[in-house]
Amino acid sequence: MLERRLILRGIAAGGLAGLLAFVFTRIMVEPWIQKSIDFQNEHDAIYNRLAKAAHGTLLPPGPDIFTRNTQRNVGAPIALIFFGMAMGALVAVAFTLLYRRYGDRVKPRALALAVAGAAFLAVFMVPYLKYPANPPGIGHPNSIDARANLYLGMVAVSIASVIGAFFLARYLAARWGAWNGTIASGLVFIAWMAIVMAIFPALGHLHGNVVLYGSHIGETPEPLRNAAGQIIFPGFSADVLFKFRLYSVLNQIILWSTIGLAFGLLAERVLAPAARPAAQPVGTPVPTY
């Protein structure tokens, strides 16, 4: 069954993509995660010292189910490889549906890259613009559920909007031409997502955060001050936050581009026999030009 063969190859491409993403994470992202964890430990220790002197209320210790070595060397590769496999299957399914309709107009590799690129935008990049990834040391425990629900809601809206933009582009292309229809659809998508992002609240404006820490755009820890207002511990490093977020984007670019390239190559090999012309019977004259 052709669909099954394509999906299996999508899973294989996703597994390879997850492995490459893990290698990049282990080398480039992990040092910044460790810096964030070190900051969090020092921040909490000083905060508890101040809180104990002021009112005796301490921050509860965070859960430590797995050691850092287990997290970075076992948990991370398993999570990224399985995530890559799931996204590879998603790309393969979308590719199969589109190839049935447009297979005679576009090459498998080009279609696979286009699908992977659209999935990258819908699943990661667009939600990331509103709720970028945060390293350990950022984010208050009381807002975990709210943050997760908001992010998943943004992902759902983003995926639905990308699909809607595709159908709008088809509709407009029939009337204004492919180029004009695609541009117009893209502009509508950008305007719509700008409205959605304006409606979704900033993480620092969540009720639990405002009550405890005041209203801020994000959840980046502020400097700790003593009773006299003097800063005794700095806020979270902007450099660490920037590098973590930059490498997080590069990590996802590696994952999705690998899915698109690897699956496109595998899909082309599966589909090539069907695209080849039928063999000429023995003795059939070969036309010359």
C-alpha atoms as a PDB file:
ATOM      1  CA  MET A   1       0.000   0.000   0.000  1.00  0.00           C
ATOM      2  CA  LEU A   2       1.540   3.257  -1.173  1.00  0.00           C
ATOM      3  CA  GLU A   3       0.217   5.394   1.696  1.00  0.00           C
ATOM      4  CA  ARG A   4       1.638   3.028   4.298  1.00  0.00           C
ATOM      5  CA  ARG A   5       5.058   3.011   2.630  1.00  0.00           C
ATOM      6  CA  LEU A   6       5.128   6.811   2.551  1.00  0.00           C
ATOM      7  CA  ILE A   7       4.124   7.146   6.207  1.00  0.00           C
ATOM      8  CA  LEU A   8       6.777   4.636   7.293  1.00  0.00           C
ATOM      9  CA  ARG A   9       9.376   6.636   5.421  1.00  0.00           C
ATOM     10  CA  GLY A  10       8.093   9.803   7.026  1.00  0.00           C
ATOM     11  CA  ILE A  11       8.586   8.208  10.438  1.00  0.00           C
ATOM     12  CA  ALA A  12      12.106   7.135   9.467  1.00  0.00           C
ATOM     13  CA  ALA A  13      12.959  10.650   8.236  1.00  0.00           C
ATOM     14  CA  GLY A  14      11.553  12.081  11.455  1.00  0.00           C
ATOM     15  CA  GLY A  15      13.672   9.728  13.557  1.00  0.00           C
ATOM     16  CA  LEU A  16      16.802  10.851  11.717  1.00  0.00           C
ATOM     17  CA  ALA A  17      15.769  14.488  12.146  1.00  0.00           C
ATOM     18  CA  GLY A  18      15.226  13.991  15.873  1.00  0.00           C
ATOM     19  CA  LEU A  19      18.665  12.405  16.224  1.00  0.00           C
ATOM     20  CA  LEU A  20      20.372  15.314  14.447  1.00  0.00           C
ATOM     21  CA  ALA A  21      18.373  17.786  16.526  1.00  0.00           C
ATOM     22  CA  PHE A  22      19.548  16.034  19.688  1.00  0.00           C
ATOM     23  CA  VAL A  23      23.205  16.228  18.626  1.00  0.00           C
ATOM     24  CA  PHE A  24      22.787  19.968  18.057  1.00  0.00           C
ATOM     25  CA  THR A  25      20.972  20.358  21.376  1.00  0.00           C
ATOM     26  CA  ARG A  26      23.604  18.409  23.292  1.00  0.00           C
ATOM     27  CA  ILE A  27      26.434  20.541  21.904  1.00  0.00           C
ATOM     28  CA  MET A  28      24.897  24.000  21.528  1.00  0.00           C
ATOM     29  CA  VAL A  29      21.814  24.259  23.767  1.00  0.00           C
ATOM     30  CA  GLU A  30      22.773  22.203  26.808  1.00  0.00           C
ATOM     31  CA  PRO A  31      25.418  24.652  28.139  1.00  0.00           C
ATOM     32  CA  TRP A  32      22.807  27.431  28.256  1.00  0.00           C
ATOM     33  CA  ILE A  33      20.320  25.148  29.971  1.00  0.00           C
ATOM     34  CA  GLN A  34      22.929  24.427  32.631  1.00  0.00           C
ATOM     35  CA  LYS A  35      23.579  28.156  33.101  1.00  0.00           C
ATOM     36  CA  SER A  36      19.846  28.660  33.580  1.00  0.00           C
ATOM     37  CA  ILE A  37      19.646  25.885  36.156  1.00  0.00           C
ATOM     38  CA  ASP A  38      22.617  27.316  38.040  1.00  0.00           C
ATOM     39  CA  PHE A  39      20.908  30.715  38.070  1.00  0.00           C
ATOM     40  CA  GLN A  40      17.663  29.191  39.318  1.00  0.00           C
ATOM     41  CA  ASN A  41      19.401  27.394  42.188  1.00  0.00           C
ATOM     42  CA  GLU A  42      21.269  30.530  43.306  1.00  0.00           C
ATOM     43  CA  HIS A  43      18.170  32.721  42.875  1.00  0.00           C
ATOM     44  CA  ASP A  44      15.972  30.402  44.946  1.00  0.00           C
ATOM     45  CA  ALA A  45      18.574  30.090  47.700  1.00  0.00           C
ATOM     46  CA  ILE A  46      18.878  33.863  48.111  1.00  0.00           C
ATOM     47  CA  TYR A  47      15.123  34.376  47.786  1.00  0.00           C
ATOM     48  CA  ASN A  48      14.503  31.864  50.560  1.00  0.00           C
ATOM     49  CA  ARG A  49      17.070  33.594  52.747  1.00  0.00           C
ATOM     50  CA  LEU A  50      15.296  36.922  52.289  1.00  0.00           C
ATOM     51  CA  ALA A  51      11.839  35.389  52.661  1.00  0.00           C
ATOM     52  CA  LYS A  52      12.775  33.564  55.848  1.00  0.00           C
ATOM     53  CA  ALA A  53      14.050  36.768  57.397  1.00  0.00           C
ATOM     54  CA  ALA A  54      10.951  38.693  56.318  1.00  0.00           C
ATOM     55  CA  HIS A  55       7.993  36.351  56.832  1.00  0.00           C
ATOM     56  CA  GLY A  56       9.259  32.797  57.082  1.00  0.00           C
ATOM     57  CA  THR A  57       7.608  31.594  53.838  1.00  0.00           C
ATOM     58  CA  LEU A  58       9.983  29.647  51.603  1.00  0.00           C
ATOM     59  CA  LEU A  59       9.787  28.561  47.982  1.00  0.00           C
ATOM     60  CA  PRO A  60       8.874  24.872  47.759  1.00  0.00           C
ATOM     61  CA  PRO A  61      11.698  22.726  46.342  1.00  0.00           C
ATOM     62  CA  GLY A  62      11.229  21.804  42.706  1.00  0.00           C
ATOM     63  CA  PRO A  63      10.743  18.179  41.687  1.00  0.00           C
ATOM     64  CA  ASP A  64      13.962  16.338  40.889  1.00  0.00           C
ATOM     65  CA  ILE A  65      12.730  13.052  39.437  1.00  0.00           C
ATOM     66  CA  PHE A  66      15.707  12.506  37.136  1.00  0.00           C
ATOM     67  CA  THR A  67      19.332  13.568  37.434  1.00  0.00           C
ATOM     68  CA  ARG A  68      20.785  16.097  35.010  1.00  0.00           C
ATOM     69  CA  ASN A  69      22.879  13.391  33.308  1.00  0.00           C
ATOM     70  CA  THR A  70      19.744  11.318  32.753  1.00  0.00           C
ATOM     71  CA  GLN A  71      17.867  14.315  31.421  1.00  0.00           C
ATOM     72  CA  ARG A  72      20.570  15.422  28.983  1.00  0.00           C
ATOM     73  CA  ASN A  73      21.784  11.996  27.819  1.00  0.00           C
ATOM     74  CA  VAL A  74      18.643   9.850  27.942  1.00  0.00           C
ATOM     75  CA  GLY A  75      15.524  11.969  28.220  1.00  0.00           C
ATOM     76  CA  ALA A  76      16.501  14.536  25.588  1.00  0.00           C
ATOM     77  CA  PRO A  77      17.340  12.067  22.779  1.00  0.00           C
ATOM     78  CA  ILE A  78      14.244   9.949  23.456  1.00  0.00           C
ATOM     79  CA  ALA A  79      11.990  13.013  23.468  1.00  0.00           C
ATOM     80  CA  LEU A  80      13.480  14.543  20.310  1.00  0.00           C
ATOM     81  CA  ILE A  81      13.590  11.296  18.334  1.00  0.00           C
ATOM     82  CA  PHE A  82       9.987  10.400  19.158  1.00  0.00           C
ATOM     83  CA  PHE A  83       8.863  13.966  18.479  1.00  0.00           C
ATOM     84  CA  GLY A  84      10.664  13.849  15.135  1.00  0.00           C
ATOM     85  CA  MET A  85       9.009  10.536  14.267  1.00  0.00           C
ATOM     86  CA  ALA A  86       5.564  11.934  15.090  1.00  0.00           C
ATOM     87  CA  MET A  87       6.177  15.069  13.013  1.00  0.00           C
ATOM     88  CA  GLY A  88       7.590  12.961  10.175  1.00  0.00           C
ATOM     89  CA  ALA A  89       4.384  10.926  10.126  1.00  0.00           C
ATOM     90  CA  LEU A  90       2.365  14.163  10.113  1.00  0.00           C
ATOM     91  CA  VAL A  91       4.333  15.499   7.146  1.00  0.00           C
ATOM     92  CA  ALA A  92       3.947  12.175   5.315  1.00  0.00           C
ATOM     93  CA  VAL A  93       0.176  12.170   5.773  1.00  0.00           C
ATOM     94  CA  ALA A  94      -0.150  15.759   4.524  1.00  0.00           C
ATOM     95  CA  PHE A  95       2.222  14.979   1.639  1.00  0.00           C
ATOM     96  CA  THR A  96       0.155  11.940   0.621  1.00  0.00           C
ATOM     97  CA  LEU A  97      -3.093  13.928   0.570  1.00  0.00           C
ATOM     98  CA  LEU A  98      -1.555  16.725  -1.493  1.00  0.00           C
ATOM     99  CA  TYR A  99       0.307  14.406  -3.862  1.00  0.00           C
ATOM    100  CA  ARG A 100      -2.944  12.750  -4.886  1.00  0.00           C
ATOM    101  CA  ARG A 101      -4.153  16.112  -6.182  1.00  0.00           C
ATOM    102  CA  TYR A 102      -0.987  17.905  -7.262  1.00  0.00           C
ATOM    103  CA  GLY A 103       1.433  15.063  -7.956  1.00  0.00           C
ATOM    104  CA  ASP A 104       1.371  15.727 -11.674  1.00  0.00           C
ATOM    105  CA  ARG A 105       2.383  19.373 -11.183  1.00  0.00           C
ATOM    106  CA  VAL A 106       5.154  19.258  -8.578  1.00  0.00           C
ATOM    107  CA  LYS A 107       8.128  17.019  -7.862  1.00  0.00           C
ATOM    108  CA  PRO A 108       8.020  14.903  -4.677  1.00  0.00           C
ATOM    109  CA  ARG A 109      11.086  16.585  -3.178  1.00  0.00           C
ATOM    110  CA  ALA A 110       9.678  20.070  -3.711  1.00  0.00           C
ATOM    111  CA  LEU A 111       6.305  19.067  -2.280  1.00  0.00           C
ATOM    112  CA  ALA A 112       7.921  17.417   0.757  1.00  0.00           C
ATOM    113  CA  LEU A 113       9.963  20.547   1.497  1.00  0.00           C
ATOM    114  CA  ALA A 114       6.897  22.755   1.081  1.00  0.00           C
ATOM    115  CA  VAL A 115       4.846  20.594   3.464  1.00  0.00           C
ATOM    116  CA  ALA A 116       7.666  20.458   6.033  1.00  0.00           C
ATOM    117  CA  GLY A 117       8.105  24.230   5.785  1.00  0.00           C
ATOM    118  CA  ALA A 118       4.393  24.853   6.302  1.00  0.00           C
ATOM    119  CA  ALA A 119       4.386  22.462   9.266  1.00  0.00           C
ATOM    120  CA  PHE A 120       7.405  24.251  10.753  1.00  0.00           C
ATOM    121  CA  LEU A 121       5.530  27.551  10.581  1.00  0.00           C
ATOM    122  CA  ALA A 122       2.243  26.168  11.894  1.00  0.00           C
ATOM    123  CA  VAL A 123       3.519  23.901  14.663  1.00  0.00           C
ATOM    124  CA  PHE A 124       6.527  25.859  15.884  1.00  0.00           C
ATOM    125  CA  MET A 125       7.479  29.233  14.439  1.00  0.00           C
ATOM    126  CA  VAL A 126       4.174  31.120  14.579  1.00  0.00           C
ATOM    127  CA  PRO A 127       3.309  30.028  18.162  1.00  0.00           C
ATOM    128  CA  TYR A 128       6.937  30.732  19.100  1.00  0.00           C
ATOM    129  CA  LEU A 129       6.581  34.374  18.106  1.00  0.00           C
ATOM    130  CA  LYS A 130       3.964  34.796  20.840  1.00  0.00           C
ATOM    131  CA  TYR A 131       5.248  32.337  23.428  1.00  0.00           C
ATOM    132  CA  PRO A 132       8.971  31.715  22.854  1.00  0.00           C
ATOM    133  CA  ALA A 133      10.698  28.864  24.639  1.00  0.00           C
ATOM    134  CA  ASN A 134      12.026  29.587  28.101  1.00  0.00           C
ATOM    135  CA  PRO A 135      14.969  27.849  29.754  1.00  0.00           C
ATOM    136  CA  PRO A 136      14.884  26.592  33.350  1.00  0.00           C
ATOM    137  CA  GLY A 137      14.922  29.535  35.736  1.00  0.00           C
ATOM    138  CA  ILE A 138      12.111  31.339  33.901  1.00  0.00           C
ATOM    139  CA  GLY A 139       8.468  30.705  34.621  1.00  0.00           C
ATOM    140  CA  HIS A 140       6.627  30.547  37.907  1.00  0.00           C
ATOM    141  CA  PRO A 141       5.284  27.178  39.125  1.00  0.00           C
ATOM    142  CA  ASN A 142       1.808  28.589  39.719  1.00  0.00           C
ATOM    143  CA  SER A 143       1.419  29.479  36.028  1.00  0.00           C
ATOM    144  CA  ILE A 144       2.506  26.176  34.457  1.00  0.00           C
ATOM    145  CA  ASP A 145      -1.009  24.999  33.580  1.00  0.00           C
ATOM    146  CA  ALA A 146      -2.058  28.387  32.203  1.00  0.00           C
ATOM    147  CA  ARG A 147       1.110  28.663  30.114  1.00  0.00           C
ATOM    148  CA  ALA A 148       0.678  25.160  28.697  1.00  0.00           C
ATOM    149  CA  ASN A 149      -2.970  25.780  27.788  1.00  0.00           C
ATOM    150  CA  LEU A 150      -2.177  29.104  26.124  1.00  0.00           C
ATOM    151  CA  TYR A 151       0.655  27.605  24.093  1.00  0.00           C
ATOM    152  CA  LEU A 152      -1.421  24.635  22.952  1.00  0.00           C
ATOM    153  CA  GLY A 153      -4.244  27.006  22.066  1.00  0.00           C
ATOM    154  CA  MET A 154      -1.856  29.084  19.975  1.00  0.00           C
ATOM    155  CA  VAL A 155      -0.582  25.956  18.204  1.00  0.00           C
ATOM    156  CA  ALA A 156      -4.160  24.853  17.417  1.00  0.00           C
ATOM    157  CA  VAL A 157      -5.076  28.287  16.037  1.00  0.00           C
ATOM    158  CA  SER A 158      -1.839  28.427  14.044  1.00  0.00           C
ATOM    159  CA  ILE A 159      -2.377  25.024  12.413  1.00  0.00           C
ATOM    160  CA  ALA A 160      -5.999  25.833  11.559  1.00  0.00           C
ATOM    161  CA  SER A 161      -4.937  29.216  10.158  1.00  0.00           C
ATOM    162  CA  VAL A 162      -2.225  27.737   7.927  1.00  0.00           C
ATOM    163  CA  ILE A 163      -4.726  25.238   6.539  1.00  0.00           C
ATOM    164  CA  GLY A 164      -7.229  28.057   6.034  1.00  0.00           C
ATOM    165  CA  ALA A 165      -4.580  30.156   4.262  1.00  0.00           C
ATOM    166  CA  PHE A 166      -3.904  27.258   1.888  1.00  0.00           C
ATOM    167  CA  PHE A 167      -7.553  26.959   0.868  1.00  0.00           C
ATOM    168  CA  LEU A 168      -7.859  30.744   0.600  1.00  0.00           C
ATOM    169  CA  ALA A 169      -4.830  30.789  -1.702  1.00  0.00           C
ATOM    170  CA  ARG A 170      -6.465  28.154  -3.933  1.00  0.00           C
ATOM    171  CA  TYR A 171      -9.680  30.158  -4.045  1.00  0.00           C
ATOM    172  CA  LEU A 172      -7.960  33.428  -4.869  1.00  0.00           C
ATOM    173  CA  ALA A 173      -5.566  31.808  -7.359  1.00  0.00           C
ATOM    174  CA  ALA A 174      -8.534  30.736  -9.503  1.00  0.00           C
ATOM    175  CA  ARG A 175      -9.589  34.385  -9.757  1.00  0.00           C
ATOM    176  CA  TRP A 176      -6.416  36.463  -9.516  1.00  0.00           C
ATOM    177  CA  GLY A 177      -3.733  34.035 -10.616  1.00  0.00           C
ATOM    178  CA  ALA A 178      -1.408  31.862  -8.547  1.00  0.00           C
ATOM    179  CA  TRP A 179       1.090  34.601  -7.650  1.00  0.00           C
ATOM    180  CA  ASN A 180      -1.450  37.258  -6.634  1.00  0.00           C
ATOM    181  CA  GLY A 181      -3.626  34.729  -4.834  1.00  0.00           C
ATOM    182  CA  THR A 182      -0.711  33.388  -2.807  1.00  0.00           C
ATOM    183  CA  ILE A 183       0.501  36.868  -1.832  1.00  0.00           C
ATOM    184  CA  ALA A 184      -2.999  37.966  -0.829  1.00  0.00           C
ATOM    185  CA  SER A 185      -3.552  34.822   1.211  1.00  0.00           C
ATOM    186  CA  GLY A 186      -0.218  35.315   2.974  1.00  0.00           C
ATOM    187  CA  LEU A 187      -1.093  38.892   3.894  1.00  0.00           C
ATOM    188  CA  VAL A 188      -4.468  37.800   5.272  1.00  0.00           C
ATOM    189  CA  PHE A 189      -2.743  35.103   7.323  1.00  0.00           C
ATOM    190  CA  ILE A 190      -0.246  37.602   8.781  1.00  0.00           C
ATOM    191  CA  ALA A 191      -2.990  40.086   9.668  1.00  0.00           C
ATOM    192  CA  TRP A 192      -5.151  37.378  11.231  1.00  0.00           C
ATOM    193  CA  MET A 193      -2.328  35.953  13.356  1.00  0.00           C
ATOM    194  CA  ALA A 194      -1.395  39.479  14.507  1.00  0.00           C
ATOM    195  CA  ILE A 195      -4.951  39.882  15.802  1.00  0.00           C
ATOM    196  CA  VAL A 196      -4.831  36.473  17.500  1.00  0.00           C
ATOM    197  CA  MET A 197      -1.504  37.279  19.193  1.00  0.00           C
ATOM    198  CA  ALA A 198      -2.879  40.588  20.414  1.00  0.00           C
ATOM    199  CA  ILE A 199      -5.862  38.791  21.959  1.00  0.00           C
ATOM    200  CA  PHE A 200      -3.826  36.068  23.675  1.00  0.00           C
ATOM    201  CA  PRO A 201      -2.414  37.408  26.968  1.00  0.00           C
ATOM    202  CA  ALA A 202       1.263  37.932  27.691  1.00  0.00           C
ATOM    203  CA  LEU A 203       2.606  35.432  30.205  1.00  0.00           C
ATOM    204  CA  GLY A 204       3.544  38.137  32.676  1.00  0.00           C
ATOM    205  CA  HIS A 205      -0.058  39.377  32.653  1.00  0.00           C
ATOM    206  CA  LEU A 206      -1.525  36.113  33.925  1.00  0.00           C
ATOM    207  CA  HIS A 207      -3.538  36.628  37.095  1.00  0.00           C
ATOM    208  CA  GLY A 208      -1.340  34.438  39.284  1.00  0.00           C
ATOM    209  CA  ASN A 209       1.793  36.258  38.166  1.00  0.00           C
ATOM    210  CA  VAL A 210       0.313  39.723  38.624  1.00  0.00           C
ATOM    211  CA  VAL A 211      -0.835  38.941  42.178  1.00  0.00           C
ATOM    212  CA  LEU A 212       2.547  37.593  43.263  1.00  0.00           C
ATOM    213  CA  TYR A 213       5.054  39.478  41.143  1.00  0.00           C
ATOM    214  CA  GLY A 214       3.318  42.425  39.487  1.00  0.00           C
ATOM    215  CA  SER A 215       2.488  42.978  35.828  1.00  0.00           C
ATOM    216  CA  HIS A 216       5.303  42.285  33.362  1.00  0.00           C
ATOM    217  CA  ILE A 217       5.432  41.367  29.682  1.00  0.00           C
ATOM    218  CA  GLY A 218       7.183  38.086  30.399  1.00  0.00           C
ATOM    219  CA  GLU A 219       8.188  35.893  33.301  1.00  0.00           C
ATOM    220  CA  THR A 220      11.896  36.683  33.314  1.00  0.00           C
ATOM    221  CA  PRO A 221      12.995  36.886  36.978  1.00  0.00           C
ATOM    222  CA  GLU A 222      13.622  40.411  38.220  1.00  0.00           C
ATOM    223  CA  PRO A 223      16.606  41.312  40.426  1.00  0.00           C
ATOM    224  CA  LEU A 224      16.264  40.447  44.097  1.00  0.00           C
ATOM    225  CA  ARG A 225      16.371  43.416  46.454  1.00  0.00           C
ATOM    226  CA  ASN A 226      16.802  43.676  50.200  1.00  0.00           C
ATOM    227  CA  ALA A 227      14.583  45.691  52.510  1.00  0.00           C
ATOM    228  CA  ALA A 228      16.485  48.863  51.614  1.00  0.00           C
ATOM    229  CA  GLY A 229      15.801  48.350  47.899  1.00  0.00           C
ATOM    230  CA  GLN A 230      19.378  47.462  47.031  1.00  0.00           C
ATOM    231  CA  ILE A 231      19.937  44.777  44.376  1.00  0.00           C
ATOM    232  CA  ILE A 232      21.626  41.789  46.012  1.00  0.00           C
ATOM    233  CA  PHE A 233      21.154  39.321  43.148  1.00  0.00           C
ATOM    234  CA  PRO A 234      20.818  40.195  39.441  1.00  0.00           C
ATOM    235  CA  GLY A 235      17.902  39.338  37.230  1.00  0.00           C
ATOM    236  CA  PHE A 236      18.084  36.620  34.633  1.00  0.00           C
ATOM    237  CA  SER A 237      20.828  37.166  32.054  1.00  0.00           C
ATOM    238  CA  ALA A 238      19.553  38.555  28.758  1.00  0.00           C
ATOM    239  CA  ASP A 239      22.473  36.884  26.966  1.00  0.00           C
ATOM    240  CA  VAL A 240      21.538  33.443  28.288  1.00  0.00           C
ATOM    241  CA  LEU A 241      17.893  33.972  27.354  1.00  0.00           C
ATOM    242  CA  PHE A 242      18.796  35.164  23.846  1.00  0.00           C
ATOM    243  CA  LYS A 243      21.217  32.311  23.154  1.00  0.00           C
ATOM    244  CA  PHE A 244      18.775  29.693  24.425  1.00  0.00           C
ATOM    245  CA  ARG A 245      15.959  31.012  22.251  1.00  0.00           C
ATOM    246  CA  LEU A 246      18.207  31.436  19.203  1.00  0.00           C
ATOM    247  CA  TYR A 247      19.512  27.885  19.444  1.00  0.00           C
ATOM    248  CA  SER A 248      15.995  26.598  20.064  1.00  0.00           C
ATOM    249  CA  VAL A 249      14.923  28.056  16.713  1.00  0.00           C
ATOM    250  CA  LEU A 250      18.000  26.648  14.960  1.00  0.00           C
ATOM    251  CA  ASN A 251      17.278  23.273  16.542  1.00  0.00           C
ATOM    252  CA  GLN A 252      13.786  23.252  15.062  1.00  0.00           C
ATOM    253  CA  ILE A 253      15.074  24.412  11.673  1.00  0.00           C
ATOM    254  CA  ILE A 254      17.436  21.429  11.662  1.00  0.00           C
ATOM    255  CA  LEU A 255      14.615  19.073  12.610  1.00  0.00           C
ATOM    256  CA  TRP A 256      12.045  20.260  10.063  1.00  0.00           C
ATOM    257  CA  SER A 257      14.489  20.775   7.193  1.00  0.00           C
ATOM    258  CA  THR A 258      15.874  17.271   7.732  1.00  0.00           C
ATOM    259  CA  ILE A 259      12.352  15.865   7.671  1.00  0.00           C
ATOM    260  CA  GLY A 260      11.622  17.698   4.423  1.00  0.00           C
ATOM    261  CA  LEU A 261      14.876  16.734   2.698  1.00  0.00           C
ATOM    262  CA  ALA A 262      15.079  13.134   3.890  1.00  0.00           C
ATOM    263  CA  PHE A 263      11.414  12.358   3.368  1.00  0.00           C
ATOM    264  CA  GLY A 264      11.451  14.021  -0.051  1.00  0.00           C
ATOM    265  CA  LEU A 265      14.319  11.762  -1.134  1.00  0.00           C
ATOM    266  CA  LEU A 266      12.645   8.622   0.240  1.00  0.00           C
ATOM    267  CA  ALA A 267       9.245   9.541  -1.179  1.00  0.00           C
ATOM    268  CA  GLU A 268      10.739  10.173  -4.609  1.00  0.00           C
ATOM    269  CA  ARG A 269      12.216   6.687  -4.632  1.00  0.00           C
ATOM    270  CA  VAL A 270       8.862   5.171  -3.684  1.00  0.00           C
ATOM    271  CA  LEU A 271       6.964   7.182  -6.274  1.00  0.00           C
ATOM    272  CA  ALA A 272       9.540   6.946  -9.091  1.00  0.00           C
ATOM    273  CA  PRO A 273       8.349   3.586 -10.490  1.00  0.00           C
ATOM    274  CA  ALA A 274       4.828   4.914 -10.847  1.00  0.00           C
ATOM    275  CA  ALA A 275       6.101   8.010 -12.635  1.00  0.00           C
ATOM    276  CA  ARG A 276       8.218   6.147 -15.167  1.00  0.00           C
ATOM    277  CA  PRO A 277       6.743   5.480 -18.610  1.00  0.00           C
ATOM    278  CA  ALA A 278       5.722   1.935 -19.374  1.00  0.00           C
ATOM    279  CA  ALA A 279       8.404  -0.180 -21.046  1.00  0.00           C
ATOM    280  CA  GLN A 280       8.106  -0.513 -24.812  1.00  0.00           C
ATOM    281  CA  PRO A 281       7.299  -4.022 -26.065  1.00  0.00           C
ATOM    282  CA  VAL A 282      10.121  -5.810 -27.850  1.00  0.00           C
ATOM    283  CA  GLY A 283      10.141  -4.932 -31.498  1.00  0.00           C
ATOM    284  CA  THR A 284       8.246  -1.672 -31.128  1.00  0.00           C
ATOM    285  CA  PRO A 285       9.831   1.017 -33.294  1.00  0.00           C
ATOM    286  CA  VAL A 286      11.445   3.792 -31.308  1.00  0.00           C
ATOM    287  CA  PRO A 287      10.550   7.222 -32.709  1.00  0.00           C
ATOM    288  CA  THR A 288      13.455   9.418 -33.656  1.00  0.00           C
ATOM    289  CA  TYR A 289      13.560  13.190 -33.768  1.00  0.00           C
END
